[in-house]
Amino acid sequence: MKYKRIMLKLSGEALSKEGKGQGIHQPTLYKIAQDIAAVSNKGVQMVVVVGGGNIWRYRDTTDSGIERTASDTMGMLATIMNGVALQAALESLGVHSRVASAIQVPQVAEPYIRRRCIRHLEKNRVVICAGGTGNPFFTTDSAAALRALELQCEIVLKATNVDGIFDKDPNKYTDAKLYTTLTFQQALEQRLNVMDQAAFSLCQDQNLPIRVFNFTVDGNLMRAASGETIGTIVQG
């Protein structure tokens, strides 16, 4: 395996039934856990950040009367629910894991403490970082970039439902061009939506590579963790 320690960024919608985007679909959750377990069993130390958009998203509720700070807090709680679900699925496969939350919920998850998480990784436990950054106005992309740097991950693997980064939306344009490699500067100049700007800037500043790949294809997580050329890699 090419990498010793990786960050896997999953959207909350990845846990839902295909095409639905809402709730947790148990067969889908179990399949994700199997893919993560396969990589972990190869000796790769894995950090996972999962979003909460399958349960709560601010952009879908702007007319709800709930102000942004409260809404973002609800979203962070949603990521904890997803993290606990993923932990249960992993441990049903015999993979030891820990949910480390940026929000204090000691009955269901341990607090995020950097040194403790590193120790878990050294023991080959999957660390699921939940609760976002613990602050409103930051996405789980930002949480993934931050935790990847704090925990000394070698790469961010950003899971999507398309084959990588395109010059335009491949779901709308049949002539969309797939990029296999990009520099951070090229991604900025072409305004390619790799991650949100805060997360992208953090990765750029610290030269942390990002690989965007299609998570729905069987075996793609293993290929990405092995360093195979799939999807799009942004670096340099």
Protein backbone atom coordinates (compact mmCIF):
# COMPACT_ATOMS: atom_id res chain seq x y z
CA MET A 1 0.00 0.00 0.00
CA LYS A 2 1.32 3.43 -0.93
CA TYR A 3 0.00 5.33 2.07
CA LYS A 4 0.41 4.59 5.75
CA ARG A 5 -2.26 7.01 7.00
CA ILE A 6 -5.14 8.48 4.99
CA MET A 7 -8.13 10.76 5.46
CA LEU A 8 -11.39 9.60 3.87
CA LYS A 9 -13.99 12.34 3.44
CA LEU A 10 -17.53 11.03 2.97
CA SER A 11 -20.65 13.08 2.40
CA GLY A 12 -23.64 12.34 4.59
CA GLU A 13 -25.59 11.51 1.44
CA ALA A 14 -23.16 8.61 0.80
CA LEU A 15 -24.90 6.77 3.66
CA SER A 16 -28.37 7.16 2.16
CA LYS A 17 -30.10 5.10 -0.52
CA GLU A 18 -28.86 5.96 -4.01
CA GLY A 19 -30.85 8.83 -5.47
CA LYS A 20 -32.60 9.62 -2.19
CA GLY A 21 -30.06 11.63 -0.19
CA GLN A 22 -31.98 11.28 3.04
CA GLY A 23 -31.54 9.08 6.09
CA ILE A 24 -29.26 6.09 6.62
CA HIS A 25 -29.72 3.12 4.30
CA GLN A 26 -28.47 0.03 6.12
CA PRO A 27 -27.23 -1.97 3.08
CA THR A 28 -25.36 1.12 1.84
CA LEU A 29 -23.87 1.74 5.28
CA TYR A 30 -22.74 -1.87 5.52
CA LYS A 31 -21.13 -1.74 2.05
CA ILE A 32 -19.20 1.41 3.03
CA ALA A 33 -18.05 -0.30 6.22
CA GLN A 34 -16.86 -3.31 4.19
CA ASP A 35 -14.81 -1.07 1.89
CA ILE A 36 -13.22 0.74 4.85
CA ALA A 37 -12.56 -2.56 6.64
CA ALA A 38 -10.81 -3.99 3.57
CA VAL A 39 -8.36 -1.07 3.48
CA SER A 40 -7.86 -1.05 7.26
CA ASN A 41 -7.11 -4.78 7.21
CA LYS A 42 -4.24 -4.04 4.80
CA GLY A 43 -2.58 -2.09 7.62
CA VAL A 44 -3.52 1.39 6.42
CA GLN A 45 -4.33 3.76 9.28
CA MET A 46 -7.66 5.40 8.48
CA VAL A 47 -9.29 8.63 9.60
CA VAL A 48 -12.85 9.20 8.40
CA VAL A 49 -14.86 12.42 8.38
CA VAL A 50 -18.50 12.02 7.39
CA GLY A 51 -20.93 14.84 6.67
CA GLY A 52 -24.47 15.18 7.97
CA GLY A 53 -26.36 16.29 4.87
CA ASN A 54 -28.49 13.15 4.82
CA ILE A 55 -30.05 14.31 8.10
CA TRP A 56 -29.76 18.10 8.16
CA ARG A 57 -28.44 20.76 5.75
CA TYR A 58 -28.63 24.49 6.28
CA ARG A 59 -28.96 25.27 2.58
CA ASP A 60 -32.17 23.19 2.41
CA THR A 61 -33.74 24.98 5.37
CA THR A 62 -32.96 28.65 4.83
CA ASP A 63 -36.65 29.54 5.15
CA SER A 64 -37.18 27.49 8.32
CA GLY A 65 -36.70 30.39 10.72
CA ILE A 66 -33.66 28.68 12.26
CA GLU A 67 -30.66 31.00 12.22
CA ARG A 68 -27.33 29.85 10.83
CA THR A 69 -25.48 29.17 14.09
CA ALA A 70 -28.25 26.95 15.46
CA SER A 71 -28.63 25.23 12.10
CA ASP A 72 -24.91 24.48 11.86
CA THR A 73 -24.99 23.06 15.38
CA MET A 74 -27.79 20.73 14.30
CA GLY A 75 -25.67 19.70 11.32
CA MET A 76 -22.73 18.91 13.59
CA LEU A 77 -24.99 16.71 15.72
CA ALA A 78 -26.09 14.95 12.53
CA THR A 79 -22.47 14.05 11.77
CA ILE A 80 -22.23 12.43 15.21
CA MET A 81 -25.27 10.27 14.42
CA ASN A 82 -23.64 9.20 11.15
CA GLY A 83 -20.33 8.56 12.90
CA VAL A 84 -21.93 6.31 15.52
CA ALA A 85 -23.78 4.40 12.78
CA LEU A 86 -20.53 3.88 10.84
CA GLN A 87 -18.73 2.76 13.99
CA ALA A 88 -21.42 0.16 14.69
CA ALA A 89 -21.22 -1.15 11.12
CA LEU A 90 -17.41 -1.37 11.27
CA GLU A 91 -17.40 -3.19 14.59
CA SER A 92 -19.96 -5.69 13.28
CA LEU A 93 -17.17 -6.62 10.84
CA GLY A 94 -14.61 -6.95 13.63
CA VAL A 95 -12.88 -3.63 12.89
CA HIS A 96 -12.07 -1.64 16.01
CA SER A 97 -13.01 2.02 15.71
CA ARG A 98 -13.48 5.16 17.77
CA VAL A 99 -15.76 8.15 17.26
CA ALA A 100 -13.91 11.33 18.30
CA SER A 101 -16.28 14.28 18.53
CA ALA A 102 -15.48 17.99 18.48
CA ILE A 103 -18.69 18.46 20.50
CA GLN A 104 -18.82 16.97 24.00
CA VAL A 105 -21.18 13.96 24.01
CA PRO A 106 -19.35 11.58 26.38
CA GLN A 107 -22.16 9.03 26.51
CA VAL A 108 -21.78 8.21 22.81
CA ALA A 109 -18.35 9.43 21.67
CA GLU A 110 -15.02 10.37 23.14
CA PRO A 111 -13.79 13.97 22.88
CA TYR A 112 -11.47 14.77 20.00
CA ILE A 113 -7.97 14.82 21.49
CA ARG A 114 -5.21 14.79 18.91
CA ARG A 115 -2.70 12.65 20.80
CA ARG A 116 -5.36 10.11 21.76
CA CYS A 117 -6.49 9.81 18.14
CA ILE A 118 -2.93 9.28 16.96
CA ARG A 119 -2.58 6.49 19.53
CA HIS A 120 -5.77 4.86 18.23
CA LEU A 121 -4.38 5.01 14.69
CA GLU A 122 -1.11 3.43 15.81
CA LYS A 123 -3.19 0.56 17.18
CA ASN A 124 -4.87 0.28 13.74
CA ARG A 125 -8.23 1.51 14.97
CA VAL A 126 -10.33 3.47 12.50
CA VAL A 127 -10.86 6.99 13.86
CA ILE A 128 -14.14 8.63 12.88
CA CYS A 129 -13.94 12.37 13.48
CA ALA A 130 -17.44 13.74 14.11
CA GLY A 131 -18.96 17.06 15.10
CA GLY A 132 -17.23 18.96 12.31
CA THR A 133 -14.73 21.46 13.66
CA GLY A 134 -17.01 22.18 16.62
CA ASN A 135 -17.70 25.65 15.23
CA PRO A 136 -20.48 27.04 13.02
CA PHE A 137 -19.81 28.42 9.53
CA PHE A 138 -17.30 25.64 8.74
CA THR A 139 -18.16 22.64 6.57
CA THR A 140 -17.10 19.04 7.07
CA ASP A 141 -14.68 19.60 4.16
CA SER A 142 -12.89 22.05 6.46
CA ALA A 143 -13.03 19.51 9.28
CA ALA A 144 -11.49 16.86 7.00
CA ALA A 145 -8.65 19.15 5.92
CA LEU A 146 -7.97 20.26 9.49
CA ARG A 147 -8.02 16.76 11.01
CA ALA A 148 -5.93 15.36 8.15
CA LEU A 149 -3.20 17.89 8.91
CA GLU A 150 -3.45 17.52 12.69
CA LEU A 151 -3.27 13.72 12.48
CA GLN A 152 -0.49 13.76 9.87
CA CYS A 153 -2.40 12.04 7.08
CA GLU A 154 -0.56 11.73 3.79
CA ILE A 155 -3.56 12.42 1.54
CA VAL A 156 -7.23 13.37 1.59
CA LEU A 157 -9.42 10.94 -0.34
CA LYS A 158 -12.62 12.79 -1.19
CA ALA A 159 -15.39 10.37 -2.08
CA THR A 160 -17.93 11.49 -4.70
CA ASN A 161 -20.47 9.89 -7.05
CA VAL A 162 -18.64 11.00 -10.22
CA ASP A 163 -15.29 9.89 -11.63
CA GLY A 164 -13.29 12.90 -10.43
CA ILE A 165 -13.02 16.60 -11.26
CA PHE A 166 -14.43 17.74 -14.60
CA ASP A 167 -14.24 21.04 -16.42
CA LYS A 168 -18.05 21.18 -16.20
CA ASP A 169 -20.89 19.18 -14.68
CA PRO A 170 -20.72 15.65 -16.18
CA ASN A 171 -24.35 15.06 -15.22
CA LYS A 172 -25.41 17.91 -17.54
CA TYR A 173 -22.79 17.87 -20.30
CA THR A 174 -21.78 14.75 -22.23
CA ASP A 175 -18.58 16.44 -23.43
CA ALA A 176 -17.33 17.20 -19.91
CA LYS A 177 -13.57 16.61 -19.66
CA LEU A 178 -12.12 14.64 -16.74
CA TYR A 179 -8.86 15.92 -15.27
CA THR A 180 -6.47 13.25 -14.00
CA THR A 181 -4.01 15.68 -12.39
CA LEU A 182 -4.29 19.31 -11.33
CA THR A 183 -2.19 21.74 -9.37
CA PHE A 184 -3.83 23.77 -6.63
CA GLN A 185 -3.25 26.88 -8.73
CA GLN A 186 -4.96 25.39 -11.78
CA ALA A 187 -7.96 24.39 -9.70
CA LEU A 188 -8.20 27.95 -8.34
CA GLU A 189 -7.76 29.64 -11.71
CA GLN A 190 -10.39 27.45 -13.37
CA ARG A 191 -12.73 27.81 -10.37
CA LEU A 192 -13.14 24.06 -10.08
CA ASN A 193 -15.25 23.05 -7.13
CA VAL A 194 -12.85 20.63 -5.42
CA MET A 195 -13.72 21.44 -1.79
CA ASP A 196 -15.03 24.56 -0.12
CA GLN A 197 -12.57 27.45 -0.19
CA ALA A 198 -11.49 27.26 3.47
CA ALA A 199 -10.66 23.56 3.19
CA PHE A 200 -8.98 23.95 -0.19
CA SER A 201 -6.83 26.86 1.02
CA LEU A 202 -5.71 24.85 4.03
CA CYS A 203 -4.66 21.92 1.84
CA GLN A 204 -2.93 24.28 -0.58
CA ASP A 205 -1.00 26.08 2.17
CA GLN A 206 0.30 22.81 3.60
CA ASN A 207 0.64 21.03 0.22
CA LEU A 208 -1.65 18.19 1.32
CA PRO A 209 -2.74 16.28 -1.81
CA ILE A 210 -6.43 15.65 -2.49
CA ARG A 211 -7.67 12.74 -4.59
CA VAL A 212 -11.27 13.01 -5.78
CA PHE A 213 -12.69 9.66 -6.90
CA ASN A 214 -15.92 7.76 -7.51
CA PHE A 215 -16.70 5.97 -4.27
CA THR A 216 -19.68 4.11 -5.72
CA VAL A 217 -17.46 1.89 -7.92
CA ASP A 218 -16.52 -1.37 -6.21
CA GLY A 219 -12.86 -1.48 -5.19
CA ASN A 220 -12.17 2.21 -5.83
CA LEU A 221 -11.36 3.01 -2.21
CA MET A 222 -8.75 0.23 -2.19
CA ARG A 223 -7.33 1.52 -5.48
CA ALA A 224 -7.13 5.08 -4.17
CA ALA A 225 -5.49 3.94 -0.93
CA SER A 226 -3.01 1.87 -2.98
CA GLY A 227 -1.99 4.95 -4.94
CA GLU A 228 -3.48 3.88 -8.26
CA THR A 229 -4.27 6.61 -10.79
CA ILE A 230 -8.02 6.90 -10.46
CA GLY A 231 -10.14 10.02 -10.39
CA THR A 232 -8.29 13.32 -10.07
CA ILE A 233 -5.37 14.22 -7.84
CA VAL A 234 -4.77 17.85 -6.83
CA GLN A 235 -1.31 18.63 -5.53
CA GLY A 236 1.76 20.79 -5.94
